[in-house]
Protein backbone atom coordinates (compact mmCIF):
# COMPACT_ATOMS: atom_id res chain seq x y z
CA UNK A 1 25.40 -6.96 -54.26
CA UNK A 2 22.36 -5.67 -56.14
CA UNK A 3 20.12 -8.00 -54.14
CA UNK A 4 21.51 -6.51 -50.93
CA UNK A 5 21.86 -2.81 -51.77
CA UNK A 6 18.78 -2.17 -53.92
CA UNK A 7 16.20 -2.87 -51.16
CA UNK A 8 18.27 -0.81 -48.71
CA UNK A 9 18.39 2.16 -51.09
CA UNK A 10 14.65 1.80 -51.65
CA UNK A 11 14.01 1.81 -47.89
CA UNK A 12 16.15 4.93 -47.42
CA UNK A 13 14.36 6.73 -50.28
CA UNK A 14 10.96 5.73 -48.90
CA UNK A 15 11.88 7.06 -45.44
CA UNK A 16 13.12 10.33 -46.95
CA UNK A 17 9.85 10.84 -48.82
CA UNK A 18 7.76 9.86 -45.82
CA UNK A 19 9.49 12.09 -43.28
CA UNK A 20 10.45 14.91 -45.63
CA UNK A 21 6.87 16.00 -46.09
CA UNK A 22 6.85 15.08 -49.79
CA UNK A 23 4.07 12.54 -49.26
CA UNK A 24 1.34 12.55 -46.62
CA UNK A 25 -0.34 9.13 -46.69
CA UNK A 26 -3.76 8.67 -45.17
CA UNK A 27 -4.42 5.76 -42.83
CA UNK A 28 -7.03 4.26 -45.15
CA UNK A 29 -4.69 4.38 -48.14
CA UNK A 30 -1.69 2.79 -46.42
CA UNK A 31 -3.91 0.15 -44.79
CA UNK A 32 -5.27 -0.78 -48.21
CA UNK A 33 -1.71 -0.87 -49.57
CA UNK A 34 -0.56 -3.10 -46.70
CA UNK A 35 -3.28 -5.69 -47.25
CA UNK A 36 -2.91 -5.54 -51.02
CA UNK A 37 0.84 -6.12 -50.92
CA UNK A 38 0.42 -8.77 -48.22
CA UNK A 39 -2.07 -10.79 -50.27
CA UNK A 40 0.01 -10.42 -53.45
CA UNK A 41 3.13 -11.55 -51.57
CA UNK A 42 1.36 -14.57 -50.08
CA UNK A 43 0.15 -15.62 -53.52
CA UNK A 44 3.61 -15.19 -55.04
CA UNK A 45 5.23 -17.16 -52.24
CA UNK A 46 2.66 -19.95 -52.59
CA UNK A 47 3.02 -20.07 -56.39
CA UNK A 48 6.82 -20.25 -56.27
CA UNK A 49 6.91 -22.68 -53.30
CA UNK A 50 8.67 -20.22 -50.99
CA UNK A 51 7.34 -21.26 -47.60
CA UNK A 52 9.86 -19.11 -45.71
CA UNK A 53 8.63 -15.89 -47.34
CA UNK A 54 5.02 -17.04 -46.88
CA UNK A 55 5.57 -17.54 -43.15
CA UNK A 56 7.51 -14.26 -42.84
CA UNK A 57 4.53 -12.43 -44.35
CA UNK A 58 2.31 -14.13 -41.77
CA UNK A 59 4.65 -12.87 -39.05
CA UNK A 60 4.24 -9.31 -40.39
CA UNK A 61 0.47 -9.70 -40.52
CA UNK A 62 0.26 -11.01 -36.93
CA UNK A 63 2.60 -8.26 -35.69
CA UNK A 64 0.58 -5.47 -37.31
CA UNK A 65 -2.71 -6.99 -36.15
CA UNK A 66 -1.51 -7.43 -32.56
CA UNK A 67 -0.42 -3.80 -32.24
CA UNK A 68 -3.54 -2.45 -33.97
CA UNK A 69 -5.95 -4.62 -32.00
CA UNK A 70 -4.49 -3.93 -28.56
CA UNK A 71 -4.03 -0.20 -29.15
CA UNK A 72 -7.17 1.73 -28.31
CA UNK A 73 -8.02 4.55 -30.67
CA UNK A 74 -5.19 6.97 -31.42
CA UNK A 75 -1.55 5.80 -31.14
CA UNK A 76 -0.98 8.33 -28.37
CA UNK A 77 -3.78 6.85 -26.28
CA UNK A 78 -3.09 4.51 -23.47
CA UNK A 79 -3.91 0.80 -23.53
CA UNK A 80 -2.32 -2.57 -23.92
CA UNK A 81 -0.64 -1.62 -27.20
CA UNK A 82 2.64 -0.90 -25.42
CA UNK A 83 2.85 -4.50 -24.20
CA UNK A 84 1.96 -5.74 -27.69
CA UNK A 85 4.75 -3.59 -29.16
CA UNK A 86 7.26 -4.93 -26.65
CA UNK A 87 6.21 -8.52 -27.42
CA UNK A 88 6.37 -7.93 -31.18
CA UNK A 89 9.77 -6.29 -30.72
CA UNK A 90 11.10 -9.56 -29.34
CA UNK A 91 9.14 -12.13 -31.33
CA UNK A 92 9.46 -10.62 -34.83
CA UNK A 93 13.31 -10.71 -34.89
CA UNK A 94 13.27 -14.21 -33.38
CA UNK A 95 10.86 -15.48 -36.05
CA UNK A 96 12.80 -13.87 -38.91
CA UNK A 97 16.03 -15.49 -37.75
CA UNK A 98 14.26 -18.83 -37.33
CA UNK A 99 12.91 -18.63 -40.88
CA UNK A 100 16.34 -17.71 -42.22
CA UNK A 101 17.94 -20.73 -40.54
CA UNK A 102 15.16 -23.03 -41.71
CA UNK A 103 15.82 -25.09 -44.82
CA UNK A 104 13.44 -24.39 -47.69
CA UNK A 105 11.31 -27.49 -48.32
CA UNK A 106 8.29 -25.91 -49.95
CA UNK A 107 4.81 -26.35 -48.54
CA UNK A 108 5.35 -29.76 -46.96
CA UNK A 109 3.02 -30.27 -43.99
CA UNK A 110 5.70 -31.80 -41.79
CA UNK A 111 7.88 -28.74 -42.38
CA UNK A 112 5.33 -25.90 -42.29
CA UNK A 113 3.12 -27.21 -39.47
CA UNK A 114 5.68 -26.78 -36.62
CA UNK A 115 6.31 -23.14 -37.57
CA UNK A 116 2.58 -22.50 -37.91
CA UNK A 117 2.00 -24.04 -34.48
CA UNK A 118 4.78 -21.87 -33.02
CA UNK A 119 3.18 -18.71 -34.44
CA UNK A 120 -0.17 -19.76 -32.98
CA UNK A 121 1.36 -20.30 -29.53
CA UNK A 122 3.10 -16.94 -29.71
CA UNK A 123 -0.20 -15.24 -30.64
CA UNK A 124 -1.89 -16.82 -27.61
CA UNK A 125 0.93 -15.67 -25.33
CA UNK A 126 0.68 -12.10 -26.64
CA UNK A 127 -3.10 -12.14 -26.15
CA UNK A 128 -2.69 -13.32 -22.55
CA UNK A 129 -0.05 -10.70 -21.79
CA UNK A 130 -2.19 -7.94 -23.29
CA UNK A 131 -5.26 -8.54 -21.14
CA UNK A 132 -6.44 -5.27 -19.56
CA UNK A 133 -5.94 -6.59 -16.03
CA UNK A 134 -2.37 -7.65 -16.87
CA UNK A 135 -1.64 -4.26 -18.41
CA UNK A 136 -3.15 -2.47 -15.40
CA UNK A 137 -0.97 -4.51 -13.06
CA UNK A 138 2.12 -3.25 -14.91
CA UNK A 139 0.83 0.30 -15.13
CA UNK A 140 0.80 0.22 -18.95
CA UNK A 141 -2.72 1.58 -19.25
CA UNK A 142 -1.46 5.01 -18.24
CA UNK A 143 1.56 5.15 -20.57
CA UNK A 144 0.87 6.46 -24.10
CA UNK A 145 2.46 4.59 -26.98
CA UNK A 146 3.92 7.69 -28.63
CA UNK A 147 5.77 8.72 -25.47
CA UNK A 148 7.21 5.29 -24.77
CA UNK A 149 10.28 4.30 -26.72
CA UNK A 150 11.06 0.73 -27.66
CA UNK A 151 12.51 -1.33 -24.81
CA UNK A 152 16.24 -1.92 -24.93
CA UNK A 153 15.61 -5.67 -25.26
CA UNK A 154 13.65 -5.08 -28.48
CA UNK A 155 16.38 -2.85 -29.93
CA UNK A 156 18.97 -5.48 -29.01
CA UNK A 157 16.87 -8.26 -30.58
CA UNK A 158 16.47 -6.34 -33.84
CA UNK A 159 20.19 -5.51 -33.94
CA UNK A 160 21.30 -9.09 -33.31
CA UNK A 161 18.86 -10.44 -35.89
CA UNK A 162 20.04 -7.88 -38.44
CA UNK A 163 23.69 -8.86 -37.96
CA UNK A 164 22.87 -12.55 -38.30
CA UNK A 165 20.78 -12.04 -41.46
CA UNK A 166 23.51 -9.89 -43.01
CA UNK A 167 26.11 -12.55 -42.19
CA UNK A 168 23.98 -15.24 -43.80
CA UNK A 169 23.59 -13.15 -46.94
CA UNK A 170 27.35 -12.61 -47.17
CA UNK A 171 27.87 -16.37 -46.79
CA UNK A 172 25.16 -17.64 -49.15
CA UNK A 173 24.21 -14.65 -51.38
CA UNK A 174 20.53 -15.57 -51.39
CA UNK A 175 17.82 -12.95 -52.06
CA UNK A 176 15.67 -14.45 -49.29
CA UNK A 177 18.19 -13.38 -46.63
CA UNK A 178 18.31 -9.89 -48.14
CA UNK A 179 14.51 -9.67 -48.17
CA UNK A 180 14.27 -10.81 -44.55
CA UNK A 181 16.99 -8.34 -43.51
CA UNK A 182 15.43 -5.23 -45.05
CA UNK A 183 11.89 -6.28 -44.15
CA UNK A 184 13.05 -6.57 -40.56
CA UNK A 185 14.56 -3.08 -40.80
CA UNK A 186 11.26 -1.66 -42.10
CA UNK A 187 9.40 -3.44 -39.28
CA UNK A 188 11.76 -1.88 -36.74
CA UNK A 189 10.99 1.59 -38.14
CA UNK A 190 7.27 0.79 -37.93
CA UNK A 191 7.63 0.06 -34.22
CA UNK A 192 10.02 2.96 -33.65
CA UNK A 193 7.48 5.45 -34.99
CA UNK A 194 4.62 4.25 -32.82
CA UNK A 195 3.39 0.92 -34.19
CA UNK A 196 0.03 2.26 -35.39
CA UNK A 197 -1.02 5.13 -37.58
CA UNK A 198 -0.24 6.13 -41.20
CA UNK A 199 3.56 6.16 -40.98
CA UNK A 200 4.02 2.83 -39.11
CA UNK A 201 1.44 1.13 -41.34
CA UNK A 202 3.30 2.47 -44.39
CA UNK A 203 6.49 0.85 -43.06
CA UNK A 204 4.65 -2.44 -42.52
CA UNK A 205 3.42 -2.24 -46.14
CA UNK A 206 6.99 -1.63 -47.32
CA UNK A 207 8.19 -4.61 -45.25
CA UNK A 208 5.64 -6.84 -46.99
CA UNK A 209 6.67 -5.40 -50.37
CA UNK A 210 10.34 -6.20 -49.72
CA UNK A 211 9.47 -9.81 -48.88
CA UNK A 212 7.40 -10.13 -52.07
CA UNK A 213 10.33 -8.65 -53.98
CA UNK A 214 12.60 -11.36 -52.57
CA UNK A 215 10.35 -13.98 -54.21
CA UNK A 216 10.65 -12.21 -57.57
CA UNK A 217 14.42 -11.82 -57.15
CA UNK A 218 14.80 -15.51 -56.31
CA UNK A 219 12.77 -16.48 -59.39
CA UNK A 220 14.93 -14.21 -61.53
CA UNK A 221 18.07 -15.77 -60.07
CA UNK A 222 16.83 -19.28 -60.90
CA UNK A 223 15.83 -18.23 -64.43
CA UNK A 224 19.02 -16.35 -65.34
CA UNK A 225 21.69 -18.10 -63.26
CA UNK A 226 22.92 -21.66 -63.27
CA UNK A 227 22.17 -23.29 -59.92
CA UNK A 228 25.25 -25.55 -59.91
CA UNK A 229 27.95 -23.06 -60.91
CA UNK A 230 26.15 -19.79 -59.94
CA UNK A 231 27.26 -18.32 -63.28
CA UNK A 232 24.71 -16.57 -65.52
CA UNK A 233 22.81 -19.16 -67.55
CA UNK A 234 22.35 -19.61 -71.28
CA UNK A 235 19.21 -17.45 -71.19
CA UNK A 236 21.24 -14.58 -69.72
CA UNK A 237 23.88 -15.20 -72.40
CA UNK A 238 21.28 -14.93 -75.18
CA UNK A 239 19.97 -11.67 -73.76
CA UNK A 240 23.50 -10.28 -73.46
CA UNK A 241 24.06 -11.05 -77.17
CA UNK A 242 21.17 -8.77 -78.13
CA UNK A 243 22.88 -5.81 -76.47
CA UNK A 244 26.26 -6.34 -78.14
CA UNK A 245 27.63 -3.88 -80.66
CA UNK A 246 30.93 -4.33 -82.56
CA UNK A 247 33.67 -4.62 -81.67
CA UNK A 248 33.34 -7.56 -79.29
CA UNK A 249 34.77 -11.02 -78.84
CA UNK A 250 33.18 -14.30 -77.78
CA UNK A 251 35.12 -17.26 -76.39
CA UNK A 252 33.76 -20.79 -76.02
CA UNK A 253 35.53 -22.92 -73.40
CA UNK A 254 35.15 -26.68 -72.97
CA UNK A 255 36.48 -28.91 -70.18
CA UNK A 256 38.79 -31.54 -71.61
CA UNK A 257 37.79 -35.20 -71.21
CA UNK A 258 34.84 -34.30 -68.98
CA UNK A 259 32.80 -37.38 -69.95
CA UNK A 260 35.72 -39.61 -69.04
CA UNK A 261 35.92 -37.86 -65.67
CA UNK A 262 32.23 -38.55 -64.99
CA UNK A 263 32.58 -42.20 -66.00
CA UNK A 264 35.68 -42.74 -63.86
CA UNK A 265 34.83 -40.75 -60.72
CA UNK A 266 31.07 -40.22 -60.78
CA UNK A 267 28.81 -37.25 -61.30
CA UNK A 268 29.50 -35.77 -57.87
CA UNK A 269 33.14 -35.33 -58.83
CA UNK A 270 32.02 -33.99 -62.20
CA UNK A 271 29.95 -31.35 -60.42
CA UNK A 272 32.99 -30.39 -58.34
CA UNK A 273 34.99 -29.97 -61.54
CA UNK A 274 32.30 -27.74 -63.02
CA UNK A 275 32.19 -25.59 -59.90
CA UNK A 276 35.97 -25.25 -59.78
CA UNK A 277 36.22 -24.22 -63.44
CA UNK A 278 33.28 -21.83 -63.06
CA UNK A 279 34.94 -20.13 -60.09
CA UNK A 280 38.01 -19.42 -62.24
CA UNK A 281 35.90 -18.27 -65.19
CA UNK A 282 33.99 -15.84 -62.96
CA UNK A 283 37.30 -14.03 -62.31
CA UNK A 284 38.45 -13.82 -65.92
CA UNK A 285 40.30 -10.60 -66.69
CA UNK A 286 39.96 -8.33 -69.72
CA UNK A 287 36.44 -7.14 -68.80
CA UNK A 288 35.04 -10.54 -69.71
CA UNK A 289 31.77 -12.00 -68.44
CA UNK A 290 31.45 -15.77 -68.20
CA UNK A 291 28.24 -17.80 -68.75
CA UNK A 292 27.26 -21.46 -68.40
CA UNK A 293 26.64 -22.33 -72.05
CA UNK A 294 25.57 -25.94 -71.55
CA UNK A 295 27.00 -29.20 -70.23
CA UNK A 296 30.74 -28.73 -69.77
CA UNK A 297 30.83 -25.70 -72.11
CA UNK A 298 31.12 -22.07 -71.03
CA UNK A 299 30.93 -18.83 -72.98
CA UNK A 300 32.78 -15.60 -72.27
CA UNK A 301 31.78 -12.23 -73.75
CA UNK A 302 34.34 -9.43 -74.08
CA UNK A 303 32.53 -6.20 -75.05
CA UNK A 304 34.66 -3.70 -76.95
CA UNK A 305 37.54 -6.16 -77.42
CA UNK A 306 39.10 -7.70 -80.51
CA UNK A 307 40.38 -11.27 -80.68
CA UNK A 308 43.98 -10.15 -80.20
CA UNK A 309 42.96 -8.16 -77.09
CA UNK A 310 41.54 -11.18 -75.30
CA UNK A 311 44.21 -13.79 -76.09
CA UNK A 312 46.32 -12.85 -73.08
CA UNK A 313 43.42 -12.94 -70.55
CA UNK A 314 42.27 -16.26 -71.97
CA UNK A 315 45.79 -17.69 -71.77
CA UNK A 316 46.02 -16.62 -68.12
CA UNK A 317 42.67 -18.29 -67.53
CA UNK A 318 43.84 -21.52 -69.18
CA UNK A 319 47.10 -21.58 -67.18
CA UNK A 320 45.24 -20.88 -63.93
CA UNK A 321 42.83 -23.77 -64.49
CA UNK A 322 45.68 -26.09 -65.49
CA UNK A 323 47.47 -25.25 -62.23
CA UNK A 324 44.34 -26.12 -60.23
CA UNK A 325 44.04 -29.50 -58.59
CA UNK A 326 40.89 -31.20 -57.38
CA UNK A 327 41.56 -33.41 -54.38
CA UNK A 328 39.76 -36.74 -54.53
CA UNK A 329 38.98 -39.20 -51.80
CA UNK A 330 40.24 -42.74 -52.05
CA UNK A 331 38.12 -45.32 -53.88
CA UNK A 332 35.13 -46.73 -52.07
CA UNK A 333 36.19 -49.94 -50.34
CA UNK A 334 32.85 -51.48 -51.25
CA UNK A 335 33.81 -51.25 -54.93
CA UNK A 336 37.13 -53.02 -54.44
CA UNK A 337 37.26 -56.75 -55.28
CA UNK A 338 36.85 -58.91 -52.22
CA UNK A 339 39.16 -61.77 -51.49
CA UNK A 340 38.20 -65.17 -50.15
CA UNK A 341 35.70 -65.18 -47.32
CA UNK A 342 37.64 -64.98 -44.06
CA UNK A 343 35.11 -67.25 -42.37
CA UNK A 344 36.28 -70.12 -44.59
CA UNK A 345 39.95 -69.50 -43.93
CA UNK A 346 40.15 -70.67 -40.32
CA UNK A 347 43.24 -72.68 -41.10
CA UNK A 348 45.24 -69.48 -41.41
CA UNK A 349 47.18 -68.41 -38.41
CA UNK A 350 46.47 -65.52 -36.06
CA UNK A 351 49.25 -63.49 -37.70
CA UNK A 352 47.60 -63.75 -41.12
CA UNK A 353 44.25 -62.66 -39.62
CA UNK A 354 45.85 -59.59 -38.04
CA UNK A 355 47.48 -58.71 -41.36
CA UNK A 356 44.11 -58.92 -43.14
CA UNK A 357 42.51 -56.61 -40.57
CA UNK A 358 45.32 -54.08 -40.97
CA UNK A 359 44.87 -54.16 -44.73
CA UNK A 360 41.15 -53.45 -44.38
CA UNK A 361 41.78 -50.56 -42.00
CA UNK A 362 44.34 -48.95 -44.27
CA UNK A 363 42.93 -45.78 -45.93
CA UNK A 364 44.06 -45.14 -49.49
CA UNK A 365 45.87 -41.86 -50.07
CA UNK A 366 43.79 -39.09 -51.62
CA UNK A 367 44.46 -38.53 -55.32
CA UNK A 368 44.56 -35.23 -57.19
CA UNK A 369 42.75 -34.63 -60.45
CA UNK A 370 44.24 -32.26 -62.99
CA UNK A 371 41.81 -30.15 -64.99
CA UNK A 372 42.39 -28.47 -68.34
CA UNK A 373 40.20 -26.60 -70.79
CA UNK A 374 40.28 -25.83 -74.48
CA UNK A 375 39.17 -22.40 -75.69
CA UNK A 376 38.12 -21.07 -79.07
CA UNK A 377 37.64 -17.34 -79.61
CA UNK A 378 36.24 -15.21 -82.43
CA UNK A 379 35.50 -11.50 -82.79
CA UNK A 380 33.13 -9.13 -84.54
CA UNK A 381 34.53 -5.82 -85.76
CA UNK A 382 32.94 -2.72 -87.20
CA UNK A 383 34.62 -3.41 -90.53
CA UNK A 384 33.14 -6.90 -90.64
CA UNK A 385 29.37 -7.18 -90.35
CA UNK A 386 28.84 -10.40 -88.39
CA UNK A 387 25.90 -11.50 -86.29
CA UNK A 388 26.50 -12.92 -82.80
CA UNK A 389 25.46 -16.35 -84.09
CA UNK A 390 28.17 -16.21 -86.76
CA UNK A 391 30.77 -15.18 -84.17
CA UNK A 392 29.73 -18.09 -81.93
CA UNK A 393 29.98 -20.49 -84.87
CA UNK A 394 33.49 -19.21 -85.63
CA UNK A 395 34.48 -19.59 -81.97
CA UNK A 396 33.12 -23.17 -82.04
CA UNK A 397 35.27 -23.98 -85.07
CA UNK A 398 38.30 -22.56 -83.28
CA UNK A 399 37.43 -24.73 -80.26
CA UNK A 400 37.28 -27.83 -82.46
CA UNK A 401 40.75 -26.99 -83.81
CA UNK A 402 42.02 -26.66 -80.25
CA UNK A 403 40.59 -30.10 -79.42
CA UNK A 404 42.05 -31.66 -82.58
CA UNK A 405 45.47 -30.13 -81.85
CA UNK A 406 45.73 -31.85 -78.50
CA UNK A 407 43.49 -29.85 -76.12
CA UNK A 408 44.60 -27.56 -73.28
CA UNK A 409 45.12 -24.56 -75.54
CA UNK A 410 43.60 -21.32 -76.80
CA UNK A 411 42.75 -21.13 -80.49
CA UNK A 412 41.65 -18.02 -82.37
CA UNK A 413 39.45 -18.00 -85.45
CA UNK A 414 41.88 -15.56 -87.07
CA UNK A 415 45.11 -17.54 -86.90
CA UNK A 416 46.10 -20.83 -85.28
CA UNK A 417 48.29 -20.62 -82.20
CA UNK A 418 51.08 -22.90 -81.11
CA UNK A 419 50.37 -25.39 -78.40
CA UNK A 420 51.55 -23.89 -75.08
CA UNK A 421 54.24 -25.65 -73.16
CA UNK A 422 53.10 -27.41 -70.06
CA UNK A 423 51.80 -30.70 -68.81
CA UNK A 424 49.50 -32.71 -70.99
CA UNK A 425 45.79 -32.68 -70.34
CA UNK A 426 44.70 -34.93 -67.55
CA UNK A 427 41.69 -37.16 -67.42
CA UNK A 428 39.41 -34.13 -66.86
């Protein structure tokens, strides 16, 4: 939620400062800020292969340029700027939604060129619509920008695009969708307050800043979160260790027989197992925070907890994972041994041929894969001066004891625990 709420809070604070009289930006200053942030954002997007953010920044640039170019003099003056604002009010939301729906493929020509061509065509259409003779025919030359509110179609387009971008963020939790959403909101405010002048240009600068921030947030997410499981990564785990103060507990969890699962069912099934276990670990109770430690191993940090405090949450976690089942598809028919070639068995009757066809068409029933984990836990207390590395080593030893005792159990470094009753560990 930080990726969604932080930009929104920043936008609200910026609007309060801008309209509360606390800051009075000059046109030259905000114009310099807009171009500076725009160039910095384009460079960041290019460096981190984020073509969607790069193209969204181009949309902002073209929108600001169209309104500025076709507005004569002061924002309250007449001119073709009103038509440009109406066109931008429709095209900007459309382009932001298009970029959100577009799959990120980096700066591949076959992927970027169609969007670039579309933006070029849109720019030509806006230029044609904003010709003085076209504006005079619609009577727009005599309507000042400041006195003309945004058309209802533009407000509707911004609203619909905002709802769609918010929905996509809720579904996928990607910072890019959040950046597009709040940048679109800032662009709407820029148009709402006249399109040109210090305040609208300041909103355009903020919109570019929010898009650049989405690149940074995405890079942070990739650096500190595991892409497969979406859990915090080992780097985030190491940084969390530096902030720990006794008492605290650390648990190391390992998926039982994971290598055998990969060998028997393939790495795609292994990835599904990792994702399923990670989803359970993310909801561990006892104020624990789970991390992807490496391979099939996970680490859980319990700040302010002793080993005895976390045994019950860990046992609930183990039981919950044991009760989970991963549904598997039937084996690939191409991997099954083939019988004699039917073309050489013409002597068989028509009944035998029909039976063979029915056998080939029969779909094997889906199997279920049981998953279990073994957990070792150790704690650091104020009475015992232990470094996080020593606590992790003690938790590893407890994990090895859990594996040696038959797996599918929680073992503490303080005292061994009895093997819980339940089904034996499956292949996973």
